[in-house]
C-alpha atoms as a PDB file:
ATOM      1  CA  MET A   1      11.053  17.312 -39.212  1.00  0.00           C
ATOM      2  CA  LEU A   2      11.447  14.730 -41.946  1.00  0.00           C
ATOM      3  CA  THR A   3      14.973  13.450 -42.485  1.00  0.00           C
ATOM      4  CA  SER A   4      14.745  14.157 -46.208  1.00  0.00           C
ATOM      5  CA  ILE A   5      13.940  17.817 -45.536  1.00  0.00           C
ATOM      6  CA  LYS A   6      16.889  18.184 -43.188  1.00  0.00           C
ATOM      7  CA  GLN A   7      19.164  16.519 -45.746  1.00  0.00           C
ATOM      8  CA  PHE A   8      17.913  18.877 -48.464  1.00  0.00           C
ATOM      9  CA  PHE A   9      18.671  21.903 -46.332  1.00  0.00           C
ATOM     10  CA  GLU A  10      22.113  20.623 -45.360  1.00  0.00           C
ATOM     11  CA  GLN A  11      23.026  19.659 -48.924  1.00  0.00           C
ATOM     12  CA  TYR A  12      21.695  22.590 -50.943  1.00  0.00           C
ATOM     13  CA  ILE A  13      20.802  25.570 -48.824  1.00  0.00           C
ATOM     14  CA  ALA A  14      22.855  25.709 -45.610  1.00  0.00           C
ATOM     15  CA  PRO A  15      26.096  27.608 -46.176  1.00  0.00           C
ATOM     16  CA  GLN A  16      29.266  25.910 -44.952  1.00  0.00           C
ATOM     17  CA  GLY A  17      30.188  26.938 -41.420  1.00  0.00           C
ATOM     18  CA  GLU A  18      26.768  28.441 -40.589  1.00  0.00           C
ATOM     19  CA  GLU A  19      24.902  26.977 -37.642  1.00  0.00           C
ATOM     20  CA  GLY A  20      21.551  27.187 -35.888  1.00  0.00           C
ATOM     21  CA  GLY A  21      20.101  30.418 -37.278  1.00  0.00           C
ATOM     22  CA  GLN A  22      20.241  29.210 -40.858  1.00  0.00           C
ATOM     23  CA  LEU A  23      18.019  26.214 -40.164  1.00  0.00           C
ATOM     24  CA  SER A  24      15.126  28.508 -39.220  1.00  0.00           C
ATOM     25  CA  GLU A  25      15.519  30.271 -42.596  1.00  0.00           C
ATOM     26  CA  HIS A  26      15.331  26.922 -44.330  1.00  0.00           C
ATOM     27  CA  LEU A  27      12.300  25.895 -42.341  1.00  0.00           C
ATOM     28  CA  LEU A  28      10.777  29.232 -43.289  1.00  0.00           C
ATOM     29  CA  GLN A  29      11.348  28.432 -46.957  1.00  0.00           C
ATOM     30  CA  LEU A  30       9.694  25.060 -46.480  1.00  0.00           C
ATOM     31  CA  ALA A  31       6.761  26.628 -44.627  1.00  0.00           C
ATOM     32  CA  THR A  32       6.273  29.138 -47.444  1.00  0.00           C
ATOM     33  CA  ALA A  33       6.511  26.424 -50.096  1.00  0.00           C
ATOM     34  CA  ALA A  34       4.126  24.173 -48.173  1.00  0.00           C
ATOM     35  CA  LEU A  35       1.454  26.883 -47.940  1.00  0.00           C
ATOM     36  CA  LEU A  36       1.804  27.688 -51.643  1.00  0.00           C
ATOM     37  CA  ILE A  37       1.517  24.003 -52.536  1.00  0.00           C
ATOM     38  CA  GLU A  38      -1.495  23.594 -50.274  1.00  0.00           C
ATOM     39  CA  MET A  39      -3.091  26.480 -52.190  1.00  0.00           C
ATOM     40  CA  MET A  40      -2.202  24.795 -55.478  1.00  0.00           C
ATOM     41  CA  ARG A  41      -3.906  21.572 -54.341  1.00  0.00           C
ATOM     42  CA  MET A  42      -6.942  23.239 -52.767  1.00  0.00           C
ATOM     43  CA  ASP A  43      -9.394  22.867 -55.656  1.00  0.00           C
ATOM     44  CA  ASP A  44      -8.560  19.167 -56.287  1.00  0.00           C
ATOM     45  CA  ASP A  45      -7.513  20.009 -59.837  1.00  0.00           C
ATOM     46  CA  VAL A  46      -3.866  21.016 -59.973  1.00  0.00           C
ATOM     47  CA  ALA A  47      -3.486  23.008 -63.162  1.00  0.00           C
ATOM     48  CA  GLU A  48      -0.075  23.348 -64.757  1.00  0.00           C
ATOM     49  CA  GLU A  49      -0.482  27.143 -64.476  1.00  0.00           C
ATOM     50  CA  GLU A  50      -0.783  26.798 -60.688  1.00  0.00           C
ATOM     51  CA  ARG A  51       2.271  24.548 -60.466  1.00  0.00           C
ATOM     52  CA  GLN A  52       4.235  27.033 -62.598  1.00  0.00           C
ATOM     53  CA  ALA A  53       3.064  29.944 -60.421  1.00  0.00           C
ATOM     54  CA  VAL A  54       4.387  28.175 -57.313  1.00  0.00           C
ATOM     55  CA  ARG A  55       7.670  27.423 -59.087  1.00  0.00           C
ATOM     56  CA  ASN A  56       8.060  31.049 -60.227  1.00  0.00           C
ATOM     57  CA  ILE A  57       7.375  32.393 -56.741  1.00  0.00           C
ATOM     58  CA  LEU A  58       9.855  30.009 -55.138  1.00  0.00           C
ATOM     59  CA  ASP A  59      12.475  30.799 -57.783  1.00  0.00           C
ATOM     60  CA  SER A  60      12.122  34.565 -57.325  1.00  0.00           C
ATOM     61  CA  ARG A  61      11.690  34.488 -53.539  1.00  0.00           C
ATOM     62  CA  PHE A  62      14.541  32.138 -52.640  1.00  0.00           C
ATOM     63  CA  SER A  63      16.905  32.292 -55.646  1.00  0.00           C
ATOM     64  CA  LEU A  64      17.208  28.512 -55.866  1.00  0.00           C
ATOM     65  CA  SER A  65      18.418  26.487 -58.808  1.00  0.00           C
ATOM     66  CA  GLU A  66      15.856  24.546 -60.832  1.00  0.00           C
ATOM     67  CA  GLY A  67      16.900  21.304 -59.120  1.00  0.00           C
ATOM     68  CA  GLU A  68      16.663  22.866 -55.667  1.00  0.00           C
ATOM     69  CA  THR A  69      13.213  24.250 -56.481  1.00  0.00           C
ATOM     70  CA  ASP A  70      12.096  20.802 -57.683  1.00  0.00           C
ATOM     71  CA  GLN A  71      13.295  19.214 -54.461  1.00  0.00           C
ATOM     72  CA  LEU A  72      11.770  21.914 -52.272  1.00  0.00           C
ATOM     73  CA  MET A  73       8.423  21.508 -54.044  1.00  0.00           C
ATOM     74  CA  ALA A  74       8.579  17.712 -53.636  1.00  0.00           C
ATOM     75  CA  LEU A  75       9.424  18.037 -49.941  1.00  0.00           C
ATOM     76  CA  ALA A  76       6.681  20.601 -49.382  1.00  0.00           C
ATOM     77  CA  GLU A  77       4.157  18.364 -51.163  1.00  0.00           C
ATOM     78  CA  GLU A  78       5.235  15.543 -48.864  1.00  0.00           C
ATOM     79  CA  GLU A  79       4.778  17.815 -45.832  1.00  0.00           C
ATOM     80  CA  VAL A  80       1.259  18.920 -46.757  1.00  0.00           C
ATOM     81  CA  SER A  81      -0.076  15.460 -47.582  1.00  0.00           C
ATOM     82  CA  GLY A  82      -2.200  14.484 -44.635  1.00  0.00           C
ATOM     83  CA  LEU A  83      -1.922  17.956 -43.138  1.00  0.00           C
ATOM     84  CA  ALA A  84      -4.271  18.394 -40.182  1.00  0.00           C
ATOM     85  CA  ASP A  85      -3.678  22.106 -39.608  1.00  0.00           C
ATOM     86  CA  TYR A  86      -1.431  24.949 -40.652  1.00  0.00           C
ATOM     87  CA  TYR A  87      -0.022  25.847 -37.249  1.00  0.00           C
ATOM     88  CA  GLN A  88       3.444  24.369 -37.832  1.00  0.00           C
ATOM     89  CA  PHE A  89       3.823  26.620 -40.873  1.00  0.00           C
ATOM     90  CA  THR A  90       2.014  29.780 -39.786  1.00  0.00           C
ATOM     91  CA  SER A  91       3.691  29.872 -36.369  1.00  0.00           C
ATOM     92  CA  LEU A  92       7.113  29.747 -37.991  1.00  0.00           C
ATOM     93  CA  ILE A  93       6.132  32.498 -40.419  1.00  0.00           C
ATOM     94  CA  ASN A  94       4.609  34.631 -37.647  1.00  0.00           C
ATOM     95  CA  LYS A  95       7.836  34.416 -35.638  1.00  0.00           C
ATOM     96  CA  ASN A  96      10.140  35.237 -38.528  1.00  0.00           C
ATOM     97  CA  PHE A  97       8.328  37.343 -41.139  1.00  0.00           C
ATOM     98  CA  SER A  98       7.738  41.060 -40.891  1.00  0.00           C
ATOM     99  CA  PRO A  99       4.158  42.280 -41.435  1.00  0.00           C
ATOM    100  CA  GLU A 100       5.162  43.304 -44.967  1.00  0.00           C
ATOM    101  CA  GLN A 101       6.577  39.846 -45.726  1.00  0.00           C
ATOM    102  CA  LYS A 102       3.362  38.219 -44.493  1.00  0.00           C
ATOM    103  CA  VAL A 103       1.318  40.462 -46.789  1.00  0.00           C
ATOM    104  CA  LYS A 104       3.609  39.482 -49.661  1.00  0.00           C
ATOM    105  CA  LEU A 105       3.011  35.803 -48.837  1.00  0.00           C
ATOM    106  CA  VAL A 106      -0.751  36.429 -48.965  1.00  0.00           C
ATOM    107  CA  GLU A 107      -0.251  38.071 -52.352  1.00  0.00           C
ATOM    108  CA  TYR A 108       1.634  34.958 -53.512  1.00  0.00           C
ATOM    109  CA  LEU A 109      -1.242  32.788 -52.304  1.00  0.00           C
ATOM    110  CA  TRP A 110      -3.661  34.889 -54.360  1.00  0.00           C
ATOM    111  CA  GLN A 111      -1.374  34.560 -57.395  1.00  0.00           C
ATOM    112  CA  VAL A 112      -1.454  30.768 -57.122  1.00  0.00           C
ATOM    113  CA  ALA A 113      -5.222  30.781 -56.577  1.00  0.00           C
ATOM    114  CA  TYR A 114      -5.791  32.853 -59.723  1.00  0.00           C
ATOM    115  CA  ALA A 115      -3.089  31.155 -61.841  1.00  0.00           C
ATOM    116  CA  ASP A 116      -5.571  28.883 -63.633  1.00  0.00           C
ATOM    117  CA  GLY A 117      -7.936  31.779 -64.360  1.00  0.00           C
ATOM    118  CA  HIS A 118     -10.550  30.587 -61.881  1.00  0.00           C
ATOM    119  CA  LEU A 119     -10.932  31.287 -58.161  1.00  0.00           C
ATOM    120  CA  ASP A 120     -12.450  28.249 -56.473  1.00  0.00           C
ATOM    121  CA  LYS A 121     -14.415  28.831 -53.255  1.00  0.00           C
ATOM    122  CA  HIS A 122     -12.030  26.517 -51.390  1.00  0.00           C
ATOM    123  CA  GLU A 123      -9.042  28.538 -52.587  1.00  0.00           C
ATOM    124  CA  GLU A 124     -10.620  31.778 -51.415  1.00  0.00           C
ATOM    125  CA  HIS A 125     -11.441  30.199 -48.052  1.00  0.00           C
ATOM    126  CA  LEU A 126      -7.844  29.045 -47.609  1.00  0.00           C
ATOM    127  CA  VAL A 127      -6.354  32.460 -48.403  1.00  0.00           C
ATOM    128  CA  ARG A 128      -8.736  34.089 -45.916  1.00  0.00           C
ATOM    129  CA  LYS A 129      -7.940  31.500 -43.252  1.00  0.00           C
ATOM    130  CA  LEU A 130      -4.179  31.788 -43.723  1.00  0.00           C
ATOM    131  CA  ALA A 131      -4.292  35.590 -43.762  1.00  0.00           C
ATOM    132  CA  GLU A 132      -6.156  35.475 -40.468  1.00  0.00           C
ATOM    133  CA  LEU A 133      -3.648  33.007 -38.978  1.00  0.00           C
ATOM    134  CA  LEU A 134      -0.813  35.253 -40.151  1.00  0.00           C
ATOM    135  CA  HIS A 135      -2.474  38.304 -38.537  1.00  0.00           C
ATOM    136  CA  VAL A 136      -2.688  40.190 -41.832  1.00  0.00           C
ATOM    137  CA  ARG A 137      -5.006  43.206 -41.619  1.00  0.00           C
ATOM    138  CA  HIS A 138      -8.107  42.988 -43.807  1.00  0.00           C
ATOM    139  CA  SER A 139      -7.142  46.098 -45.779  1.00  0.00           C
ATOM    140  CA  ALA A 140      -3.725  44.559 -46.543  1.00  0.00           C
ATOM    141  CA  PHE A 141      -5.442  41.285 -47.466  1.00  0.00           C
ATOM    142  CA  ILE A 142      -7.664  43.093 -49.996  1.00  0.00           C
ATOM    143  CA  ALA A 143      -4.732  45.106 -51.379  1.00  0.00           C
ATOM    144  CA  ALA A 144      -2.728  41.877 -51.849  1.00  0.00           C
ATOM    145  CA  LYS A 145      -5.657  40.351 -53.724  1.00  0.00           C
ATOM    146  CA  TYR A 146      -5.920  43.399 -55.964  1.00  0.00           C
ATOM    147  CA  ARG A 147      -2.181  43.303 -56.769  1.00  0.00           C
ATOM    148  CA  ALA A 148      -2.336  39.576 -57.530  1.00  0.00           C
ATOM    149  CA  VAL A 149      -5.269  39.936 -59.927  1.00  0.00           C
ATOM    150  CA  LYS A 150      -3.657  42.793 -61.942  1.00  0.00           C
END
């Protein structure tokens, strides 16, 4: 794990006196942010609407301050640059998210993909791939897409 990520977690997110278990929650936040940012970057044209969608999801999901959200997004962008695969993120999510939380994450991915009003084929491919890696049932995948488009 990057030193800057650990410092971010220790400075802004980890409650005083909490040990061990909290770090996995923070890594889970980073994994979620990283997947959302990877979706945002998927079509090689990062629209402001996509960036704002990621920000809104992180704000509502993790209840972070604006500064904390900015830092988390910057750290997640750093993590996904040069990303070879998604295992480090999806394995953490699979271990810690309930099936319902994974479906909600897929819905968030769809929201980011549709934020600019256009679904690129690479964006659709990534959502399908991540849903498969997260073991989300196809019917739940389709329902998440429907909710995101509404």
